[in-house]
Amino acid sequence: MSDSRTVRIGVSAARELEIQVEDPIVVSKDYESALKNQASVLWITDSRGHRFGVSVASIAFIELEEPEERGVGFRSE
């Protein structure tokens, strides 16, 4: 099974979309490209192959989540 990460997109309607993706940097670059080329829709493919179209004009922010490091065994603090 692949290691997926979350991309959360805030839209102007005060809601967020949370999409599990393989590489959040690709989403970031696609968004920058959409802005530069004045595209109206940002297309994102999640880790299961589903495609989502988001209106570029409605995006308020994009948060890229870092992967969690999972340890093995007991953790002492």
PDB file of N, CA and C in Angstrom:
ATOM      1  N   MET A   1       0.850  -1.173   0.000  1.00  0.00           N
ATOM      2  CA  MET A   1       0.000   0.000   0.000  1.00  0.00           C
ATOM      3  C   MET A   1       0.898   1.238   0.000  1.00  0.00           C
ATOM      4  N   SER A   2       0.517   2.247  -0.732  1.00  0.00           N
ATOM      5  CA  SER A   2       1.337   3.447  -0.837  1.00  0.00           C
ATOM      6  C   SER A   2       1.099   4.375   0.349  1.00  0.00           C
ATOM      7  N   ASP A   3       2.067   5.257   0.578  1.00  0.00           N
ATOM      8  CA  ASP A   3       1.997   6.227   1.661  1.00  0.00           C
ATOM      9  C   ASP A   3       1.352   7.496   1.140  1.00  0.00           C
ATOM     10  N   SER A   4       0.071   7.713   1.471  1.00  0.00           N
ATOM     11  CA  SER A   4      -0.629   8.890   0.968  1.00  0.00           C
ATOM     12  C   SER A   4      -0.562  10.014   1.981  1.00  0.00           C
ATOM     13  N   ARG A   5      -0.724  11.243   1.509  1.00  0.00           N
ATOM     14  CA  ARG A   5      -0.708  12.436   2.351  1.00  0.00           C
ATOM     15  C   ARG A   5      -1.951  13.252   2.065  1.00  0.00           C
ATOM     16  N   THR A   6      -2.256  14.151   2.971  1.00  0.00           N
ATOM     17  CA  THR A   6      -3.466  14.948   2.869  1.00  0.00           C
ATOM     18  C   THR A   6      -3.171  16.329   2.319  1.00  0.00           C
ATOM     19  N   VAL A   7      -4.024  16.787   1.436  1.00  0.00           N
ATOM     20  CA  VAL A   7      -4.012  18.168   0.958  1.00  0.00           C
ATOM     21  C   VAL A   7      -5.350  18.754   1.357  1.00  0.00           C
ATOM     22  N   ARG A   8      -5.343  19.868   2.069  1.00  0.00           N
ATOM     23  CA  ARG A   8      -6.579  20.527   2.477  1.00  0.00           C
ATOM     24  C   ARG A   8      -6.684  21.838   1.715  1.00  0.00           C
ATOM     25  N   ILE A   9      -7.811  22.087   1.088  1.00  0.00           N
ATOM     26  CA  ILE A   9      -8.016  23.285   0.283  1.00  0.00           C
ATOM     27  C   ILE A   9      -9.176  24.072   0.875  1.00  0.00           C
ATOM     28  N   GLY A  10      -8.916  25.305   1.257  1.00  0.00           N
ATOM     29  CA  GLY A  10      -9.975  26.169   1.758  1.00  0.00           C
ATOM     30  C   GLY A  10     -10.578  26.955   0.607  1.00  0.00           C
ATOM     31  N   VAL A  11     -11.865  26.987   0.550  1.00  0.00           N
ATOM     32  CA  VAL A  11     -12.553  27.735  -0.501  1.00  0.00           C
ATOM     33  C   VAL A  11     -13.294  28.907   0.127  1.00  0.00           C
ATOM     34  N   SER A  12     -13.641  29.870  -0.675  1.00  0.00           N
ATOM     35  CA  SER A  12     -14.223  31.106  -0.163  1.00  0.00           C
ATOM     36  C   SER A  12     -15.564  30.912   0.533  1.00  0.00           C
ATOM     37  N   ALA A  13     -16.168  29.774   0.409  1.00  0.00           N
ATOM     38  CA  ALA A  13     -17.438  29.499   1.073  1.00  0.00           C
ATOM     39  C   ALA A  13     -17.229  29.022   2.517  1.00  0.00           C
ATOM     40  N   ALA A  14     -16.039  29.248   3.067  1.00  0.00           N
ATOM     41  CA  ALA A  14     -15.696  28.881   4.448  1.00  0.00           C
ATOM     42  C   ALA A  14     -15.783  27.370   4.687  1.00  0.00           C
ATOM     43  N   ARG A  15     -15.413  26.611   3.687  1.00  0.00           N
ATOM     44  CA  ARG A  15     -15.349  25.154   3.796  1.00  0.00           C
ATOM     45  C   ARG A  15     -13.972  24.704   3.332  1.00  0.00           C
ATOM     46  N   GLU A  16     -13.643  23.478   3.656  1.00  0.00           N
ATOM     47  CA  GLU A  16     -12.377  22.909   3.210  1.00  0.00           C
ATOM     48  C   GLU A  16     -12.634  21.577   2.533  1.00  0.00           C
ATOM     49  N   LEU A  17     -11.816  21.271   1.544  1.00  0.00           N
ATOM     50  CA  LEU A  17     -11.801  19.949   0.928  1.00  0.00           C
ATOM     51  C   LEU A  17     -10.528  19.277   1.413  1.00  0.00           C
ATOM     52  N   GLU A  18     -10.642  18.062   1.862  1.00  0.00           N
ATOM     53  CA  GLU A  18      -9.464  17.313   2.297  1.00  0.00           C
ATOM     54  C   GLU A  18      -9.329  16.111   1.390  1.00  0.00           C
ATOM     55  N   ILE A  19      -8.229  16.060   0.644  1.00  0.00           N
ATOM     56  CA  ILE A  19      -8.033  15.027  -0.372  1.00  0.00           C
ATOM     57  C   ILE A  19      -6.720  14.315  -0.098  1.00  0.00           C
ATOM     58  N   GLN A  20      -6.757  12.981  -0.030  1.00  0.00           N
ATOM     59  CA  GLN A  20      -5.557  12.176   0.156  1.00  0.00           C
ATOM     60  C   GLN A  20      -4.842  12.047  -1.182  1.00  0.00           C
ATOM     61  N   VAL A  21      -3.595  12.509  -1.268  1.00  0.00           N
ATOM     62  CA  VAL A  21      -2.829  12.447  -2.509  1.00  0.00           C
ATOM     63  C   VAL A  21      -1.473  11.802  -2.259  1.00  0.00           C
ATOM     64  N   GLU A  22      -0.862  11.310  -3.329  1.00  0.00           N
ATOM     65  CA  GLU A  22       0.464  10.697  -3.231  1.00  0.00           C
ATOM     66  C   GLU A  22       1.547  11.749  -3.010  1.00  0.00           C
ATOM     67  N   ASP A  23       1.464  12.873  -3.722  1.00  0.00           N
ATOM     68  CA  ASP A  23       2.500  13.905  -3.647  1.00  0.00           C
ATOM     69  C   ASP A  23       1.867  15.294  -3.595  1.00  0.00           C
ATOM     70  N   PRO A  24       1.815  15.923  -2.415  1.00  0.00           N
ATOM     71  CA  PRO A  24       1.185  17.235  -2.303  1.00  0.00           C
ATOM     72  C   PRO A  24       1.926  18.337  -3.061  1.00  0.00           C
ATOM     73  N   ILE A  25       3.196  18.149  -3.334  1.00  0.00           N
ATOM     74  CA  ILE A  25       3.970  19.138  -4.090  1.00  0.00           C
ATOM     75  C   ILE A  25       3.413  19.264  -5.508  1.00  0.00           C
ATOM     76  N   VAL A  26       2.937  18.167  -6.070  1.00  0.00           N
ATOM     77  CA  VAL A  26       2.324  18.196  -7.401  1.00  0.00           C
ATOM     78  C   VAL A  26       1.088  19.093  -7.380  1.00  0.00           C
ATOM     79  N   VAL A  27       0.282  18.995  -6.321  1.00  0.00           N
ATOM     80  CA  VAL A  27      -0.912  19.839  -6.196  1.00  0.00           C
ATOM     81  C   VAL A  27      -0.500  21.305  -6.129  1.00  0.00           C
ATOM     82  N   SER A  28       0.527  21.588  -5.355  1.00  0.00           N
ATOM     83  CA  SER A  28       1.029  22.962  -5.227  1.00  0.00           C
ATOM     84  C   SER A  28       1.489  23.515  -6.570  1.00  0.00           C
ATOM     85  N   LYS A  29       2.245  22.728  -7.306  1.00  0.00           N
ATOM     86  CA  LYS A  29       2.740  23.163  -8.618  1.00  0.00           C
ATOM     87  C   LYS A  29       1.596  23.318  -9.622  1.00  0.00           C
ATOM     88  N   ASP A  30       0.631  22.403  -9.579  1.00  0.00           N
ATOM     89  CA  ASP A  30      -0.526  22.508 -10.475  1.00  0.00           C
ATOM     90  C   ASP A  30      -1.336  23.769 -10.174  1.00  0.00           C
ATOM     91  N   TYR A  31      -1.460  24.114  -8.883  1.00  0.00           N
ATOM     92  CA  TYR A  31      -2.185  25.324  -8.503  1.00  0.00           C
ATOM     93  C   TYR A  31      -1.453  26.573  -9.002  1.00  0.00           C
ATOM     94  N   GLU A  32      -0.135  26.609  -8.812  1.00  0.00           N
ATOM     95  CA  GLU A  32       0.656  27.743  -9.305  1.00  0.00           C
ATOM     96  C   GLU A  32       0.525  27.878 -10.820  1.00  0.00           C
ATOM     97  N   SER A  33       0.542  26.749 -11.517  1.00  0.00           N
ATOM     98  CA  SER A  33       0.397  26.753 -12.971  1.00  0.00           C
ATOM     99  C   SER A  33      -0.994  27.247 -13.386  1.00  0.00           C
ATOM    100  N   ALA A  34      -2.022  26.820 -12.652  1.00  0.00           N
ATOM    101  CA  ALA A  34      -3.390  27.255 -12.954  1.00  0.00           C
ATOM    102  C   ALA A  34      -3.518  28.769 -12.776  1.00  0.00           C
ATOM    103  N   LEU A  35      -2.908  29.303 -11.733  1.00  0.00           N
ATOM    104  CA  LEU A  35      -2.932  30.755 -11.519  1.00  0.00           C
ATOM    105  C   LEU A  35      -2.207  31.489 -12.644  1.00  0.00           C
ATOM    106  N   LYS A  36      -1.032  30.986 -12.987  1.00  0.00           N
ATOM    107  CA  LYS A  36      -0.208  31.622 -14.020  1.00  0.00           C
ATOM    108  C   LYS A  36      -0.922  31.617 -15.377  1.00  0.00           C
ATOM    109  N   ASN A  37      -1.579  30.504 -15.696  1.00  0.00           N
ATOM    110  CA  ASN A  37      -2.242  30.355 -16.993  1.00  0.00           C
ATOM    111  C   ASN A  37      -3.702  30.804 -16.968  1.00  0.00           C
ATOM    112  N   GLN A  38      -4.121  31.367 -15.864  1.00  0.00           N
ATOM    113  CA  GLN A  38      -5.486  31.866 -15.688  1.00  0.00           C
ATOM    114  C   GLN A  38      -6.540  30.784 -15.965  1.00  0.00           C
ATOM    115  N   ALA A  39      -6.249  29.579 -15.511  1.00  0.00           N
ATOM    116  CA  ALA A  39      -7.205  28.470 -15.649  1.00  0.00           C
ATOM    117  C   ALA A  39      -8.358  28.684 -14.673  1.00  0.00           C
ATOM    118  N   SER A  40      -9.513  28.174 -15.003  1.00  0.00           N
ATOM    119  CA  SER A  40     -10.669  28.346 -14.119  1.00  0.00           C
ATOM    120  C   SER A  40     -10.850  27.171 -13.162  1.00  0.00           C
ATOM    121  N   VAL A  41     -10.271  26.002 -13.496  1.00  0.00           N
ATOM    122  CA  VAL A  41     -10.447  24.807 -12.673  1.00  0.00           C
ATOM    123  C   VAL A  41      -9.090  24.167 -12.370  1.00  0.00           C
ATOM    124  N   LEU A  42      -8.895  23.788 -11.113  1.00  0.00           N
ATOM    125  CA  LEU A  42      -7.733  23.008 -10.694  1.00  0.00           C
ATOM    126  C   LEU A  42      -8.195  21.572 -10.545  1.00  0.00           C
ATOM    127  N   TRP A  43      -7.590  20.661 -11.301  1.00  0.00           N
ATOM    128  CA  TRP A  43      -7.947  19.245 -11.232  1.00  0.00           C
ATOM    129  C   TRP A  43      -6.949  18.519 -10.348  1.00  0.00           C
ATOM    130  N   ILE A  44      -7.456  17.753  -9.389  1.00  0.00           N
ATOM    131  CA  ILE A  44      -6.621  17.004  -8.447  1.00  0.00           C
ATOM    132  C   ILE A  44      -7.056  15.548  -8.495  1.00  0.00           C
ATOM    133  N   THR A  45      -6.085  14.643  -8.588  1.00  0.00           N
ATOM    134  CA  THR A  45      -6.361  13.206  -8.552  1.00  0.00           C
ATOM    135  C   THR A  45      -5.923  12.673  -7.197  1.00  0.00           C
ATOM    136  N   ASP A  46      -6.841  12.028  -6.479  1.00  0.00           N
ATOM    137  CA  ASP A  46      -6.490  11.516  -5.153  1.00  0.00           C
ATOM    138  C   ASP A  46      -5.741  10.195  -5.258  1.00  0.00           C
ATOM    139  N   SER A  47      -5.363   9.653  -4.097  1.00  0.00           N
ATOM    140  CA  SER A  47      -4.548   8.437  -4.069  1.00  0.00           C
ATOM    141  C   SER A  47      -5.314   7.197  -4.539  1.00  0.00           C
ATOM    142  N   ARG A  48      -6.645   7.304  -4.685  1.00  0.00           N
ATOM    143  CA  ARG A  48      -7.438   6.180  -5.201  1.00  0.00           C
ATOM    144  C   ARG A  48      -7.790   6.350  -6.667  1.00  0.00           C
ATOM    145  N   GLY A  49      -7.323   7.434  -7.286  1.00  0.00           N
ATOM    146  CA  GLY A  49      -7.578   7.650  -8.699  1.00  0.00           C
ATOM    147  C   GLY A  49      -8.795   8.500  -9.009  1.00  0.00           C
ATOM    148  N   HIS A  50      -9.478   9.005  -7.986  1.00  0.00           N
ATOM    149  CA  HIS A  50     -10.634   9.873  -8.214  1.00  0.00           C
ATOM    150  C   HIS A  50     -10.159  11.285  -8.537  1.00  0.00           C
ATOM    151  N   ARG A  51     -10.846  11.929  -9.481  1.00  0.00           N
ATOM    152  CA  ARG A  51     -10.471  13.298  -9.870  1.00  0.00           C
ATOM    153  C   ARG A  51     -11.456  14.298  -9.291  1.00  0.00           C
ATOM    154  N   PHE A  52     -10.908  15.412  -8.804  1.00  0.00           N
ATOM    155  CA  PHE A  52     -11.717  16.486  -8.234  1.00  0.00           C
ATOM    156  C   PHE A  52     -11.400  17.774  -8.973  1.00  0.00           C
ATOM    157  N   GLY A  53     -12.416  18.508  -9.371  1.00  0.00           N
ATOM    158  CA  GLY A  53     -12.240  19.811  -9.997  1.00  0.00           C
ATOM    159  C   GLY A  53     -12.651  20.895  -9.012  1.00  0.00           C
ATOM    160  N   VAL A  54     -11.759  21.855  -8.782  1.00  0.00           N
ATOM    161  CA  VAL A  54     -12.020  22.941  -7.838  1.00  0.00           C
ATOM    162  C   VAL A  54     -11.868  24.260  -8.588  1.00  0.00           C
ATOM    163  N   SER A  55     -12.836  25.143  -8.427  1.00  0.00           N
ATOM    164  CA  SER A  55     -12.754  26.458  -9.045  1.00  0.00           C
ATOM    165  C   SER A  55     -11.558  27.212  -8.469  1.00  0.00           C
ATOM    166  N   VAL A  56     -10.637  27.614  -9.329  1.00  0.00           N
ATOM    167  CA  VAL A  56      -9.427  28.317  -8.883  1.00  0.00           C
ATOM    168  C   VAL A  56      -9.799  29.607  -8.158  1.00  0.00           C
ATOM    169  N   ALA A  57     -10.813  30.287  -8.628  1.00  0.00           N
ATOM    170  CA  ALA A  57     -11.228  31.556  -8.019  1.00  0.00           C
ATOM    171  C   ALA A  57     -11.751  31.379  -6.597  1.00  0.00           C
ATOM    172  N   SER A  58     -12.217  30.182  -6.252  1.00  0.00           N
ATOM    173  CA  SER A  58     -12.780  29.963  -4.923  1.00  0.00           C
ATOM    174  C   SER A  58     -11.755  29.476  -3.899  1.00  0.00           C
ATOM    175  N   ILE A  59     -10.521  29.233  -4.308  1.00  0.00           N
ATOM    176  CA  ILE A  59      -9.501  28.731  -3.386  1.00  0.00           C
ATOM    177  C   ILE A  59      -8.951  29.877  -2.544  1.00  0.00           C
ATOM    178  N   ALA A  60      -9.081  29.732  -1.221  1.00  0.00           N
ATOM    179  CA  ALA A  60      -8.566  30.731  -0.289  1.00  0.00           C
ATOM    180  C   ALA A  60      -7.148  30.372   0.166  1.00  0.00           C
ATOM    181  N   PHE A  61      -6.879  29.080   0.360  1.00  0.00           N
ATOM    182  CA  PHE A  61      -5.543  28.631   0.747  1.00  0.00           C
ATOM    183  C   PHE A  61      -5.385  27.160   0.416  1.00  0.00           C
ATOM    184  N   ILE A  62      -4.122  26.722   0.400  1.00  0.00           N
ATOM    185  CA  ILE A  62      -3.808  25.302   0.263  1.00  0.00           C
ATOM    186  C   ILE A  62      -2.806  24.962   1.355  1.00  0.00           C
ATOM    187  N   GLU A  63      -3.117  23.962   2.159  1.00  0.00           N
ATOM    188  CA  GLU A  63      -2.247  23.514   3.232  1.00  0.00           C
ATOM    189  C   GLU A  63      -1.680  22.153   2.854  1.00  0.00           C
ATOM    190  N   LEU A  64      -0.369  22.016   2.860  1.00  0.00           N
ATOM    191  CA  LEU A  64       0.279  20.751   2.542  1.00  0.00           C
ATOM    192  C   LEU A  64       0.708  20.095   3.849  1.00  0.00           C
ATOM    193  N   GLU A  65       0.179  18.944   4.118  1.00  0.00           N
ATOM    194  CA  GLU A  65       0.474  18.238   5.361  1.00  0.00           C
ATOM    195  C   GLU A  65       1.743  17.416   5.220  1.00  0.00           C
ATOM    196  N   GLU A  66       2.604  17.504   6.216  1.00  0.00           N
ATOM    197  CA  GLU A  66       3.815  16.687   6.234  1.00  0.00           C
ATOM    198  C   GLU A  66       3.452  15.279   6.714  1.00  0.00           C
ATOM    199  N   PRO A  67       4.159  14.274   6.216  1.00  0.00           N
ATOM    200  CA  PRO A  67       3.853  12.904   6.650  1.00  0.00           C
ATOM    201  C   PRO A  67       4.224  12.716   8.117  1.00  0.00           C
ATOM    202  N   GLU A  68       3.406  11.918   8.822  1.00  0.00           N
ATOM    203  CA  GLU A  68       3.711  11.602  10.211  1.00  0.00           C
ATOM    204  C   GLU A  68       4.713  10.483  10.253  1.00  0.00           C
ATOM    205  N   GLU A  69       5.705  10.640  11.134  1.00  0.00           N
ATOM    206  CA  GLU A  69       6.658   9.552  11.324  1.00  0.00           C
ATOM    207  C   GLU A  69       6.083   8.634  12.382  1.00  0.00           C
ATOM    208  N   ARG A  70       5.965   7.400  12.038  1.00  0.00           N
ATOM    209  CA  ARG A  70       5.405   6.424  12.962  1.00  0.00           C
ATOM    210  C   ARG A  70       6.527   5.547  13.485  1.00  0.00           C
ATOM    211  N   GLY A  71       6.647   5.522  14.787  1.00  0.00           N
ATOM    212  CA  GLY A  71       7.668   4.709  15.415  1.00  0.00           C
ATOM    213  C   GLY A  71       7.180   3.296  15.659  1.00  0.00           C
ATOM    214  N   VAL A  72       8.099   2.439  16.002  1.00  0.00           N
ATOM    215  CA  VAL A  72       7.775   1.068  16.316  1.00  0.00           C
ATOM    216  C   VAL A  72       8.083   0.847  17.787  1.00  0.00           C
ATOM    217  N   GLY A  73       7.183   0.205  18.491  1.00  0.00           N
ATOM    218  CA  GLY A  73       7.420  -0.062  19.902  1.00  0.00           C
ATOM    219  C   GLY A  73       6.890   1.059  20.786  1.00  0.00           C
ATOM    220  N   PHE A  74       7.433   1.109  21.991  1.00  0.00           N
ATOM    221  CA  PHE A  74       6.969   2.083  22.976  1.00  0.00           C
ATOM    222  C   PHE A  74       7.807   3.343  22.892  1.00  0.00           C
ATOM    223  N   ARG A  75       7.162   4.452  23.182  1.00  0.00           N
ATOM    224  CA  ARG A  75       7.837   5.745  23.126  1.00  0.00           C
ATOM    225  C   ARG A  75       7.945   6.282  24.556  1.00  0.00           C
ATOM    226  N   SER A  76       9.136   6.675  24.935  1.00  0.00           N
ATOM    227  CA  SER A  76       9.309   7.284  26.271  1.00  0.00           C
ATOM    228  C   SER A  76       9.584   8.759  26.109  1.00  0.00           C
ATOM    229  N   GLU A  77       9.004   9.535  26.993  1.00  0.00           N
ATOM    230  CA  GLU A  77       9.181  10.996  26.891  1.00  0.00           C
ATOM    231  C   GLU A  77       9.786  11.538  28.129  1.00  0.00           C
TER     232      GLU A  77
END
